[in-house]
Amino acid sequence: MKARRPITPAAAALAALVALAGCGAGPGERTKPFLAAWDFETGSAEDWRPNDPARWRVTADGGSMVYELTAPGTPGEVRAPTSWSVLAGHDVASFEFTGRLRCDTDPAATVRDMCIILHYQDPTHFCYVHFAGRSDDVHNIIGLVDGADRVKINTEPAGGSVFRLTDRAWHVFKVTCDAATGEIRAYLDDLKTPILTARDSTLTHGLVGVGSFDDTGAFDDIGLLIPGK
């Protein structure tokens, strides 16, 4: 694996927060190390592979550099997120994927979303976490795209999941996957209690990434951790 630049203090602080919240470690206990981390402060997203490079850029935002999705994507052959950018070189099974995200769409549009991509194999085979401004059978879900239109696989009933993407503020996210059990857990802001959970082993490995169905926004301070590493 090629060398990564040193993790910045901001990214390190986020890593400590996520590791402590996610694994129940107490002060002074060893936290899990990054496999890799990105804060985009070099102005580059060299390890990221967007489906449409014209819609993604690294840009300055509030004194930091962020990875921004600048325009809504174009629908594909199946109903699925239209924009995504996946992390090249890390095909993973079990993992913990962390970072910050922000949706720039008017909060009055409750169907607004930002997505976390997991077990990506090709444009019609992947899972995703859909963080949204409302909850129903297609919003604020964990979805599976398996060669056909996405289907909801999370256990929370339609309309029964906690939704928090209701503003233009930054939110901390964490998504974990246990390949042995097929369990997926998604967290937003509260990193101890998941708002979405699923158990599905249709796709057992793949790339991770970020994206959206129909909206614009930004991502920053991203970390990929592998249990036991």
Protein backbone atom coordinates (compact mmCIF):
# COMPACT_ATOMS: atom_id res chain seq x y z
CA MET A 1 0.00 0.00 0.00
CA LYS A 2 1.42 3.35 -0.95
CA ALA A 3 2.38 5.77 1.81
CA ARG A 4 -0.12 8.32 3.06
CA ARG A 5 0.69 11.78 4.32
CA PRO A 6 0.64 12.27 8.11
CA ILE A 7 -2.82 12.56 9.64
CA THR A 8 -3.59 16.16 10.56
CA PRO A 9 -4.60 17.16 14.09
CA ALA A 10 -8.21 17.65 12.92
CA ALA A 11 -8.38 14.18 11.42
CA ALA A 12 -6.65 12.65 14.44
CA ALA A 13 -9.14 14.29 16.78
CA LEU A 14 -12.03 12.92 14.75
CA ALA A 15 -10.42 9.47 14.78
CA ALA A 16 -10.15 9.51 18.56
CA LEU A 17 -13.75 10.64 18.93
CA VAL A 18 -15.05 7.93 16.61
CA ALA A 19 -12.93 5.15 18.08
CA LEU A 20 -13.87 6.00 21.65
CA ALA A 21 -17.56 6.30 20.86
CA GLY A 22 -17.67 3.23 18.66
CA CYS A 23 -15.78 0.67 20.69
CA GLY A 24 -16.42 1.85 24.24
CA ALA A 25 -12.80 2.54 25.04
CA GLY A 26 -12.08 4.56 28.11
CA PRO A 27 -9.63 7.46 28.45
CA GLY A 28 -6.07 6.33 27.86
CA GLU A 29 -7.04 3.08 26.13
CA ARG A 30 -5.60 2.27 22.72
CA THR A 31 -7.83 3.35 19.82
CA LYS A 32 -8.02 1.60 16.46
CA PRO A 33 -5.56 2.86 13.80
CA PHE A 34 -6.50 4.18 10.39
CA LEU A 35 -5.90 2.03 7.35
CA ALA A 36 -5.93 5.37 5.57
CA ALA A 37 -7.24 8.92 6.13
CA TRP A 38 -8.06 11.93 4.00
CA ASP A 39 -8.57 15.55 5.01
CA PHE A 40 -8.00 16.96 1.47
CA GLU A 41 -5.72 19.71 2.82
CA THR A 42 -3.28 19.15 -0.05
CA GLY A 43 -6.02 20.22 -2.46
CA SER A 44 -6.10 16.78 -4.04
CA ALA A 45 -8.46 13.80 -4.06
CA GLU A 46 -6.00 11.55 -5.89
CA ASP A 47 -7.24 8.29 -4.32
CA TRP A 48 -10.90 8.94 -5.12
CA ARG A 49 -12.69 7.74 -8.25
CA PRO A 50 -15.94 9.66 -9.01
CA ASN A 51 -18.44 8.31 -11.51
CA ASP A 52 -18.55 11.81 -13.03
CA PRO A 53 -15.37 13.81 -12.31
CA ALA A 54 -16.99 17.01 -13.60
CA ARG A 55 -19.27 17.04 -10.54
CA TRP A 56 -16.58 16.67 -7.87
CA ARG A 57 -13.82 19.00 -6.66
CA VAL A 58 -11.63 19.79 -3.68
CA THR A 59 -12.36 23.34 -2.53
CA ALA A 60 -11.79 25.71 0.38
CA ASP A 61 -14.58 25.89 2.94
CA GLY A 62 -14.41 27.75 6.23
CA GLY A 63 -10.63 27.59 6.52
CA SER A 64 -10.43 23.92 5.51
CA MET A 65 -10.29 21.98 2.27
CA VAL A 66 -13.26 19.68 1.61
CA TYR A 67 -14.38 17.20 -1.05
CA GLU A 68 -17.45 18.74 -2.68
CA LEU A 69 -20.21 17.31 -4.86
CA THR A 70 -21.13 20.34 -6.96
CA ALA A 71 -24.14 19.22 -9.03
CA PRO A 72 -26.85 16.54 -8.93
CA GLY A 73 -26.11 13.40 -10.91
CA THR A 74 -27.87 11.82 -13.86
CA PRO A 75 -30.12 8.77 -13.25
CA GLY A 76 -28.64 5.48 -14.46
CA GLU A 77 -30.09 2.20 -15.66
CA VAL A 78 -31.39 1.29 -12.19
CA ARG A 79 -32.80 3.44 -9.40
CA ALA A 80 -29.79 4.14 -7.19
CA PRO A 81 -27.62 7.06 -6.04
CA THR A 82 -26.71 9.07 -9.13
CA SER A 83 -23.42 10.50 -7.84
CA TRP A 84 -20.64 8.69 -6.04
CA SER A 85 -16.91 8.74 -5.56
CA VAL A 86 -15.24 5.56 -4.30
CA LEU A 87 -11.90 5.06 -2.63
CA ALA A 88 -9.57 3.18 -4.94
CA GLY A 89 -7.26 0.44 -3.75
CA HIS A 90 -9.14 -0.68 -0.64
CA ASP A 91 -11.52 -3.55 -1.35
CA VAL A 92 -12.76 -4.32 2.17
CA ALA A 93 -15.16 -6.74 3.87
CA SER A 94 -15.35 -5.70 7.55
CA PHE A 95 -14.59 -2.05 8.20
CA GLU A 96 -15.36 1.19 10.02
CA PHE A 97 -15.75 4.24 7.78
CA THR A 98 -15.91 7.67 9.41
CA GLY A 99 -15.94 11.35 8.55
CA ARG A 100 -18.01 14.49 8.27
CA LEU A 101 -20.70 15.36 5.75
CA ARG A 102 -22.89 18.32 4.88
CA CYS A 103 -25.91 18.62 2.57
CA ASP A 104 -26.17 21.96 0.75
CA THR A 105 -29.73 21.56 -0.54
CA ASP A 106 -32.43 23.80 0.95
CA PRO A 107 -33.58 22.15 4.20
CA ALA A 108 -37.18 22.80 3.14
CA ALA A 109 -36.69 19.87 0.76
CA THR A 110 -37.02 17.00 3.23
CA VAL A 111 -36.05 14.42 0.59
CA ARG A 112 -32.49 15.85 0.60
CA ASP A 113 -29.76 13.28 1.20
CA MET A 114 -26.10 12.42 1.49
CA CYS A 115 -24.99 8.82 0.96
CA ILE A 116 -22.20 6.57 2.18
CA ILE A 117 -21.30 3.86 -0.33
CA LEU A 118 -20.14 0.41 0.79
CA HIS A 119 -19.23 -2.92 -0.81
CA TYR A 120 -19.16 -1.19 -4.19
CA GLN A 121 -18.37 -3.65 -6.98
CA ASP A 122 -19.75 -1.87 -10.06
CA PRO A 123 -22.42 0.77 -10.86
CA THR A 124 -25.27 -1.70 -10.32
CA HIS A 125 -23.88 -3.73 -7.41
CA PHE A 126 -23.31 -1.95 -4.10
CA CYS A 127 -24.92 -0.98 -0.79
CA TYR A 128 -25.42 2.51 0.53
CA VAL A 129 -26.50 4.37 3.64
CA HIS A 130 -29.01 7.10 2.81
CA PHE A 131 -28.90 9.88 5.41
CA ALA A 132 -31.92 12.10 4.74
CA GLY A 133 -34.21 14.82 6.06
CA ARG A 134 -37.19 12.48 6.39
CA SER A 135 -37.88 8.79 6.96
CA ASP A 136 -40.01 6.53 4.75
CA ASP A 137 -39.57 3.43 2.58
CA VAL A 138 -36.88 5.04 0.37
CA HIS A 139 -35.48 7.90 2.48
CA ASN A 140 -33.17 7.48 5.47
CA ILE A 141 -32.53 3.81 4.75
CA ILE A 142 -29.78 1.31 4.07
CA GLY A 143 -30.26 0.29 0.46
CA LEU A 144 -29.06 -2.61 -1.68
CA VAL A 145 -28.46 -2.23 -5.42
CA ASP A 146 -28.09 -5.75 -6.81
CA GLY A 147 -28.47 -5.43 -10.57
CA ALA A 148 -31.91 -3.84 -10.16
CA ASP A 149 -33.62 -0.86 -8.51
CA ARG A 150 -32.53 -0.34 -4.93
CA VAL A 151 -34.36 -2.06 -2.12
CA LYS A 152 -34.52 -1.14 1.56
CA ILE A 153 -32.66 -3.66 3.74
CA ASN A 154 -32.50 -1.93 7.13
CA THR A 155 -34.58 -3.38 9.94
CA GLU A 156 -36.22 -0.11 11.03
CA PRO A 157 -39.78 0.12 9.66
CA ALA A 158 -40.48 2.56 6.82
CA GLY A 159 -40.94 5.95 8.46
CA GLY A 160 -39.59 4.66 11.76
CA SER A 161 -35.88 5.48 11.49
CA VAL A 162 -34.30 8.51 13.17
CA PHE A 163 -33.41 11.19 10.61
CA ARG A 164 -31.05 14.09 11.30
CA LEU A 165 -30.02 15.59 7.95
CA THR A 166 -32.33 18.57 8.39
CA ASP A 167 -29.93 21.52 7.97
CA ARG A 168 -26.82 22.75 6.17
CA ALA A 169 -24.54 22.06 9.14
CA TRP A 170 -21.71 19.55 9.28
CA HIS A 171 -22.58 16.14 10.74
CA VAL A 172 -20.21 13.41 11.92
CA PHE A 173 -20.94 9.97 10.47
CA LYS A 174 -19.81 6.42 11.10
CA VAL A 175 -20.71 3.28 9.14
CA THR A 176 -19.55 -0.15 10.28
CA CYS A 177 -19.81 -3.55 8.64
CA ASP A 178 -19.15 -7.02 10.06
CA ALA A 179 -18.62 -9.38 7.12
CA ALA A 180 -18.99 -12.47 9.31
CA THR A 181 -22.56 -11.59 10.27
CA GLY A 182 -23.55 -9.24 7.46
CA GLU A 183 -24.41 -6.58 10.05
CA ILE A 184 -24.27 -2.95 8.91
CA ARG A 185 -24.69 -0.07 11.35
CA ALA A 186 -24.95 3.61 10.48
CA TYR A 187 -24.53 6.52 12.90
CA LEU A 188 -25.01 10.26 12.49
CA ASP A 189 -23.94 12.72 15.22
CA ASP A 190 -24.56 10.19 18.02
CA LEU A 191 -21.71 7.73 17.48
CA LYS A 192 -22.86 5.31 20.19
CA THR A 193 -26.39 4.53 19.00
CA PRO A 194 -26.98 3.62 15.33
CA ILE A 195 -29.95 5.16 13.55
CA LEU A 196 -29.96 2.49 10.82
CA THR A 197 -29.13 -1.22 11.07
CA ALA A 198 -29.22 -4.06 8.57
CA ARG A 199 -28.13 -7.68 8.27
CA ASP A 200 -27.48 -8.73 4.69
CA SER A 201 -24.74 -10.81 3.03
CA THR A 202 -25.68 -10.34 -0.62
CA LEU A 203 -22.47 -8.36 -1.21
CA THR A 204 -19.64 -9.38 1.11
CA HIS A 205 -16.86 -7.01 0.04
CA GLY A 206 -16.07 -4.01 -2.14
CA LEU A 207 -14.99 -0.38 -2.14
CA VAL A 208 -16.29 2.37 0.14
CA GLY A 209 -17.18 5.90 -0.89
CA VAL A 210 -19.48 8.90 -0.64
CA GLY A 211 -22.23 10.36 -2.81
CA SER A 212 -25.89 11.36 -3.15
CA PHE A 213 -29.09 10.63 -5.02
CA ASP A 214 -30.08 14.13 -6.15
CA ASP A 215 -28.28 16.69 -4.01
CA THR A 216 -25.08 18.63 -3.51
CA GLY A 217 -22.87 18.78 -0.45
CA ALA A 218 -19.41 18.10 0.93
CA PHE A 219 -17.34 15.53 2.82
CA ASP A 220 -14.21 15.91 4.96
CA ASP A 221 -11.90 14.26 7.52
CA ILE A 222 -12.58 10.76 6.21
CA GLY A 223 -11.03 7.68 7.79
CA LEU A 224 -11.13 3.97 6.94
CA LEU A 225 -10.37 1.53 9.75
CA ILE A 226 -10.18 -2.26 9.63
CA PRO A 227 -11.05 -4.23 12.80
CA GLY A 228 -8.06 -6.03 14.27
CA LYS A 229 -5.48 -4.08 12.28
